[in-house]
Protein backbone atom coordinates (compact mmCIF):
# COMPACT_ATOMS: atom_id res chain seq x y z
CA MET A 1 119.10 137.79 87.36
CA ASP A 2 116.25 140.29 87.68
CA TRP A 3 117.04 142.08 90.94
CA GLN A 4 115.22 145.35 90.41
CA PRO A 5 112.16 146.33 92.48
CA GLY A 6 108.77 146.47 90.82
CA ILE A 7 107.92 149.97 92.07
CA SER A 8 109.01 153.26 90.51
CA VAL A 9 110.55 156.11 92.49
CA ASN A 10 107.43 158.21 91.87
CA TYR A 11 105.23 155.52 93.37
CA LEU A 12 107.64 155.17 96.31
CA LYS A 13 107.16 158.88 96.98
CA ALA A 14 103.38 158.53 96.66
CA ARG A 15 103.41 155.68 99.19
CA ALA A 16 105.54 157.69 101.62
CA LYS A 17 103.19 160.68 101.32
CA LEU A 18 100.14 158.47 101.92
CA LEU A 19 101.66 156.88 105.03
CA GLY A 20 102.51 160.34 106.32
CA GLN A 21 98.93 161.49 105.79
CA ILE A 22 97.57 158.47 107.64
CA ARG A 23 99.89 158.96 110.59
CA GLY A 24 99.06 162.67 110.72
CA PHE A 25 95.33 161.90 110.63
CA PHE A 26 95.53 159.66 113.69
CA ALA A 27 98.02 161.86 115.57
CA GLN A 28 95.56 164.73 115.24
CA ARG A 29 92.87 162.53 116.80
CA GLU A 30 95.19 161.23 119.55
CA VAL A 31 94.93 157.61 118.40
CA MET A 32 98.12 155.81 119.46
CA GLU A 33 100.25 153.90 116.94
CA VAL A 34 101.21 150.39 118.09
CA GLU A 35 103.23 147.47 116.75
CA THR A 36 102.48 143.78 117.31
CA PRO A 37 104.23 140.56 116.15
CA LEU A 38 103.72 139.25 112.64
CA LEU A 39 103.99 135.65 113.85
CA MET A 40 100.98 134.16 115.65
CA GLY A 41 100.60 131.09 117.79
CA ALA A 42 97.11 130.56 116.36
CA PRO A 43 95.63 131.99 113.14
CA VAL A 44 92.11 133.14 112.38
CA THR A 45 89.57 130.34 112.13
CA ASP A 46 87.52 132.16 109.46
CA PRO A 47 87.09 129.65 106.59
CA TRP A 48 87.34 132.47 104.04
CA LEU A 49 90.84 133.48 105.21
CA GLN A 50 93.84 131.18 104.79
CA ALA A 51 96.98 131.87 106.81
CA LEU A 52 100.53 131.03 105.72
CA SER A 53 102.21 128.65 108.17
CA VAL A 54 105.82 128.73 109.37
CA LYS A 55 107.69 125.82 110.99
CA ASN A 56 109.17 126.64 114.38
CA HIS A 57 112.54 125.04 115.14
CA ARG A 58 113.86 127.40 117.81
CA LEU A 59 111.24 128.77 120.20
CA ALA A 60 110.84 126.03 122.78
CA ALA A 61 107.72 127.46 124.43
CA ALA A 62 105.95 128.19 121.13
CA PRO A 63 103.94 125.77 118.95
CA ASP A 64 105.75 123.60 116.39
CA VAL A 65 103.88 125.50 113.68
CA MET A 66 103.21 129.23 113.75
CA TRP A 67 101.33 131.47 111.35
CA LEU A 68 101.96 134.79 109.65
CA GLN A 69 99.11 137.12 110.59
CA THR A 70 96.24 137.66 108.16
CA SER A 71 95.67 140.88 110.13
CA PRO A 72 96.83 142.26 113.49
CA GLU A 73 93.31 141.96 114.90
CA TYR A 74 93.90 139.34 117.60
CA ALA A 75 97.01 140.99 119.03
CA MET A 76 95.46 144.45 118.96
CA LYS A 77 92.39 143.21 120.81
CA ARG A 78 94.68 141.88 123.54
CA LEU A 79 96.13 145.41 123.83
CA LEU A 80 92.62 146.86 124.01
CA ALA A 81 91.68 144.42 126.78
CA ALA A 82 94.82 145.52 128.65
CA GLY A 83 93.64 149.15 128.59
CA SER A 84 95.49 150.64 125.61
CA GLY A 85 92.66 152.93 124.55
CA ALA A 86 92.24 153.96 120.90
CA ILE A 87 95.00 152.41 118.75
CA TYR A 88 96.05 151.98 115.14
CA GLN A 89 98.71 150.01 113.29
CA ILE A 90 100.25 150.03 109.81
CA CYS A 91 101.80 146.63 109.21
CA LYS A 92 102.36 143.73 106.86
CA ALA A 93 99.72 141.02 106.61
CA PHE A 94 99.85 137.71 104.74
CA ARG A 95 97.24 135.50 103.12
CA ASP A 96 97.49 132.26 101.20
CA ASP A 97 95.31 133.64 98.44
CA GLU A 98 95.47 134.43 94.74
CA SER A 99 98.12 136.81 93.48
CA GLY A 100 97.35 139.27 90.73
CA ARG A 101 96.20 142.77 89.82
CA LYS A 102 94.41 143.39 93.14
CA HIS A 103 96.03 140.77 95.39
CA ASN A 104 99.45 139.87 96.76
CA HIS A 105 100.33 137.25 99.37
CA GLU A 106 102.06 139.97 101.40
CA PHE A 107 100.40 143.35 101.68
CA THR A 108 100.21 146.45 103.86
CA MET A 109 97.25 146.89 106.18
CA LEU A 110 95.99 149.78 108.25
CA GLU A 111 93.90 148.65 111.21
CA TRP A 112 92.43 150.79 113.97
CA TYR A 113 90.13 150.39 116.98
CA ARG A 114 87.99 152.97 118.72
CA PRO A 115 86.65 152.17 122.22
CA ASP A 116 83.16 153.60 122.83
CA PHE A 117 82.71 154.29 119.11
CA SER A 118 79.48 153.21 117.43
CA LEU A 119 79.66 151.76 113.95
CA VAL A 120 78.21 155.01 112.58
CA GLN A 121 80.97 157.02 114.26
CA LEU A 122 83.56 154.72 112.69
CA MET A 123 81.87 155.17 109.29
CA ASP A 124 82.18 158.94 109.74
CA GLU A 125 85.88 158.70 110.66
CA THR A 126 86.65 156.34 107.76
CA ASP A 127 84.86 158.72 105.41
CA GLN A 128 87.01 161.60 106.71
CA LEU A 129 90.21 159.60 106.11
CA LEU A 130 89.15 158.80 102.54
CA GLN A 131 88.28 162.43 101.82
CA LEU A 132 91.76 163.41 103.03
CA THR A 133 93.76 160.77 101.16
CA LEU A 134 91.68 160.53 97.97
CA ASN A 135 90.51 164.15 97.82
CA CYS A 136 87.04 162.79 97.12
CA GLN A 137 83.41 163.50 98.00
CA SER A 138 81.83 162.07 101.12
CA ALA A 139 80.92 158.38 100.76
CA GLU A 140 77.45 157.12 99.91
CA ARG A 141 75.89 154.61 102.32
CA VAL A 142 73.58 151.72 101.48
CA SER A 143 72.50 148.55 103.26
CA TYR A 144 73.65 145.14 102.02
CA GLN A 145 69.99 144.17 101.69
CA GLN A 146 69.08 147.19 99.57
CA LEU A 147 72.17 146.71 97.41
CA PHE A 148 71.11 143.19 96.41
CA ILE A 149 67.53 144.33 95.82
CA ASP A 150 68.73 147.18 93.60
CA GLN A 151 71.31 145.14 91.68
CA LEU A 152 69.73 141.68 91.46
CA SER A 153 66.09 142.12 92.58
CA ILE A 154 66.59 139.63 95.41
CA ASP A 155 66.54 139.91 99.21
CA PRO A 156 69.83 138.43 100.51
CA LEU A 157 68.49 138.11 104.07
CA THR A 158 65.71 135.71 103.08
CA ALA A 159 66.83 134.19 99.75
CA THR A 160 67.26 130.42 99.38
CA THR A 161 70.15 128.67 97.68
CA GLN A 162 67.95 127.99 94.64
CA GLN A 163 66.87 131.63 94.34
CA LEU A 164 70.46 132.83 94.52
CA GLN A 165 71.54 130.26 91.96
CA ARG A 166 68.80 131.46 89.59
CA ALA A 167 69.86 135.08 90.14
CA ALA A 168 73.40 134.12 89.22
CA LEU A 169 72.26 132.37 86.05
CA VAL A 170 70.38 135.50 84.96
CA THR A 171 73.70 137.36 85.04
CA GLY A 172 75.35 134.60 83.00
CA MET A 173 77.39 133.34 85.95
CA GLN A 174 77.63 129.71 87.04
CA GLY A 175 79.03 128.31 90.24
CA PRO A 176 79.59 124.91 91.87
CA ASP A 177 76.36 123.04 92.62
CA ASP A 178 77.38 122.45 96.24
CA LEU A 179 77.52 126.16 97.23
CA ASP A 180 75.38 127.11 100.22
CA VAL A 181 73.58 130.44 100.73
CA ASP A 182 76.71 132.18 102.00
CA GLY A 183 78.78 130.80 99.15
CA TRP A 184 76.34 132.18 96.58
CA LEU A 185 76.13 135.53 98.34
CA GLN A 186 79.94 135.79 98.38
CA LEU A 187 80.12 134.85 94.69
CA LEU A 188 77.41 137.29 93.62
CA MET A 189 78.86 140.09 95.70
CA GLY A 190 82.44 139.56 94.51
CA CYS A 191 81.83 138.84 90.84
CA VAL A 192 78.60 140.66 89.92
CA ILE A 193 77.97 143.53 92.33
CA GLU A 194 81.38 144.64 93.62
CA PRO A 195 82.85 145.74 90.23
CA LYS A 196 79.97 148.25 89.86
CA LEU A 197 80.42 149.94 93.24
CA GLY A 198 81.86 153.32 94.19
CA HIS A 199 82.76 154.69 90.78
CA ASP A 200 81.45 158.21 91.41
CA ARG A 201 82.47 158.35 95.08
CA PRO A 202 83.25 155.79 97.80
CA LEU A 203 80.39 153.55 98.92
CA ILE A 204 79.86 152.17 102.43
CA VAL A 205 77.81 148.97 102.57
CA TYR A 206 76.41 148.04 106.01
CA GLY A 207 74.05 145.53 107.62
CA PHE A 208 75.41 142.15 106.41
CA PRO A 209 73.60 138.84 106.96
CA PRO A 210 74.12 137.36 110.45
CA SER A 211 75.86 134.35 108.84
CA GLN A 212 78.59 136.77 107.69
CA SER A 213 79.11 138.38 111.09
CA ALA A 214 82.63 136.93 111.65
CA LEU A 215 83.69 138.75 114.86
CA ALA A 216 81.00 141.45 114.68
CA LYS A 217 78.00 141.82 116.97
CA VAL A 218 74.61 140.86 115.56
CA GLU A 219 72.11 143.63 116.19
CA ASN A 220 68.52 144.02 114.93
CA GLY A 221 68.84 140.86 112.86
CA VAL A 222 71.94 141.87 110.88
CA ALA A 223 75.71 141.77 111.42
CA SER A 224 76.96 145.09 112.75
CA ARG A 225 79.67 145.58 110.16
CA PHE A 226 80.37 147.58 107.04
CA GLU A 227 82.62 147.39 104.01
CA VAL A 228 83.99 150.23 101.89
CA TYR A 229 84.17 150.12 98.10
CA CYS A 230 85.76 152.56 95.68
CA LYS A 231 86.00 152.21 91.89
CA GLY A 232 85.00 148.55 92.06
CA VAL A 233 87.63 147.73 94.70
CA GLU A 234 86.86 146.44 98.20
CA LEU A 235 88.92 148.76 100.38
CA ALA A 236 88.01 148.15 104.02
CA ASN A 237 86.04 145.93 106.40
CA ALA A 238 84.74 147.11 109.79
CA TYR A 239 82.94 145.61 112.80
CA HIS A 240 81.20 146.70 115.95
CA GLU A 241 83.35 144.19 117.77
CA LEU A 242 82.01 141.12 119.54
CA THR A 243 82.82 141.29 123.27
CA ASP A 244 81.14 138.07 124.45
CA ALA A 245 83.82 135.38 124.98
CA ILE A 246 81.29 132.52 125.01
CA GLU A 247 79.80 133.62 121.70
CA GLN A 248 83.27 134.17 120.26
CA ARG A 249 84.28 130.60 121.12
CA SER A 250 81.05 129.30 119.61
CA ARG A 251 81.73 131.12 116.35
CA ALA A 252 85.30 129.80 116.22
CA GLU A 253 84.01 126.26 116.69
CA GLN A 254 81.44 126.81 113.93
CA ASP A 255 84.26 128.04 111.69
CA LEU A 256 86.14 124.78 112.28
CA VAL A 257 83.06 122.75 111.36
CA LYS A 258 82.80 124.77 108.15
CA ARG A 259 86.51 124.25 107.46
CA SER A 260 86.04 120.51 107.83
CA GLU A 261 83.07 120.54 105.43
CA LEU A 262 85.09 122.50 102.86
CA GLY A 263 88.17 120.29 103.22
CA LEU A 264 90.29 123.19 104.50
CA PRO A 265 93.22 122.83 106.92
CA MET A 266 92.19 122.68 110.57
CA VAL A 267 93.74 125.30 112.85
CA PRO A 268 93.83 125.88 116.61
CA ILE A 269 91.56 128.38 118.33
CA ASP A 270 93.41 131.36 119.81
CA GLU A 271 92.89 130.80 123.53
CA LYS A 272 94.81 133.97 124.45
CA LEU A 273 92.38 136.07 122.44
CA LEU A 274 89.42 134.40 124.15
CA ALA A 275 91.01 135.00 127.55
CA ALA A 276 91.49 138.67 126.68
CA VAL A 277 87.87 139.02 125.58
CA GLU A 278 86.71 137.32 128.77
CA ALA A 279 88.94 139.58 130.88
CA GLY A 280 87.23 142.59 129.36
CA LEU A 281 87.49 143.67 125.74
CA PRO A 282 85.94 147.15 125.82
CA ASP A 283 82.96 148.01 123.68
CA CYS A 284 84.60 149.21 120.48
CA SER A 285 84.45 149.40 116.72
CA GLY A 286 87.39 148.42 114.52
CA ILE A 287 88.35 148.46 110.86
CA ALA A 288 90.99 147.01 108.54
CA LEU A 289 91.89 148.91 105.37
CA GLY A 290 94.16 147.80 102.53
CA VAL A 291 96.89 150.42 102.12
CA ASP A 292 98.13 149.07 98.77
CA ARG A 293 94.60 149.26 97.37
CA LEU A 294 94.19 152.77 98.74
CA LEU A 295 97.43 153.68 96.97
CA MET A 296 96.00 152.22 93.74
CA LEU A 297 93.19 154.76 94.01
CA VAL A 298 95.52 157.62 94.97
CA THR A 299 97.78 157.02 91.95
CA ASP A 300 95.06 155.80 89.56
CA GLU A 301 97.13 152.65 89.02
CA ALA A 302 95.20 149.54 87.96
CA ASP A 303 97.82 146.96 88.98
CA LEU A 304 98.70 146.62 92.68
CA ARG A 305 101.95 144.83 91.76
CA LYS A 306 103.38 148.12 90.45
CA LEU A 307 102.88 149.74 93.86
CA ILE A 308 104.81 147.30 96.06
CA SER A 309 108.57 146.93 96.16
CA PHE A 310 108.59 143.21 95.29
CA ASP A 311 105.45 141.21 94.47
CA ALA A 312 105.13 137.53 95.34
CA SER A 313 106.46 136.38 91.97
CA ARG A 314 109.68 138.45 92.29
CA ILE A 315 110.87 137.77 95.81
């Protein structure tokens, strides 16, 4: 029986050093480390994120089915609404997604929230963390709109399904005929544009289409969010967080409609999160960053599976 871990001792040391750097970075800035449960009573409704479910046989007051978190976002926002102030967490997250060179069902996530931080301030702080851990130059910044114009000569904020489909065909890529605008944008971004990004230095992409706002505010006609790319790898995703409980419920309900259209499992809406937002989620910006992917860049390792103790195929 193959019992040995998939990670070498050298990579274990590199991981420990990286985690120490991250904790030192936030301690210096007086951002408090917190810990929240991995099990959730309700998962994210986002149709692009699939949570792993767990049957509950013991907890009488809990739902019959619970979910392993796709991120600690909901629980951390409840702490923010309770007055925690600036917080961060390094934890395990789980997604029912592909497993391979850049993905694992179980992975390590760094997530932090900054009350009274603008999205630009969070970009600056993220850039500082990357310069520390990767010993790299300051990140470039470009809008999502300009990125598509530069790479594919198409405006993603106004393009039709047909125009996006034609742009894909020019690159030699084909997709399902039933994809909508968002589906084509996701496909083009992930398969055509993303592999080219951040090879000289990290790249911050901001100003996403409103239809991709998730739990971000929509300001000046675009979603107030950014993503970070480095050496063709998506590293982090950040929002100027939505603080309107009515709008948050509306988006969750729209997610469920989309799930139904795509034939995805239906999930409950997290009422405790909505109650926390209604009680007073402070104006804040937050970001989730993949620690395993960051470690890939630190060690110049191309396969994430070599950087975790036991990948999904070896548990």
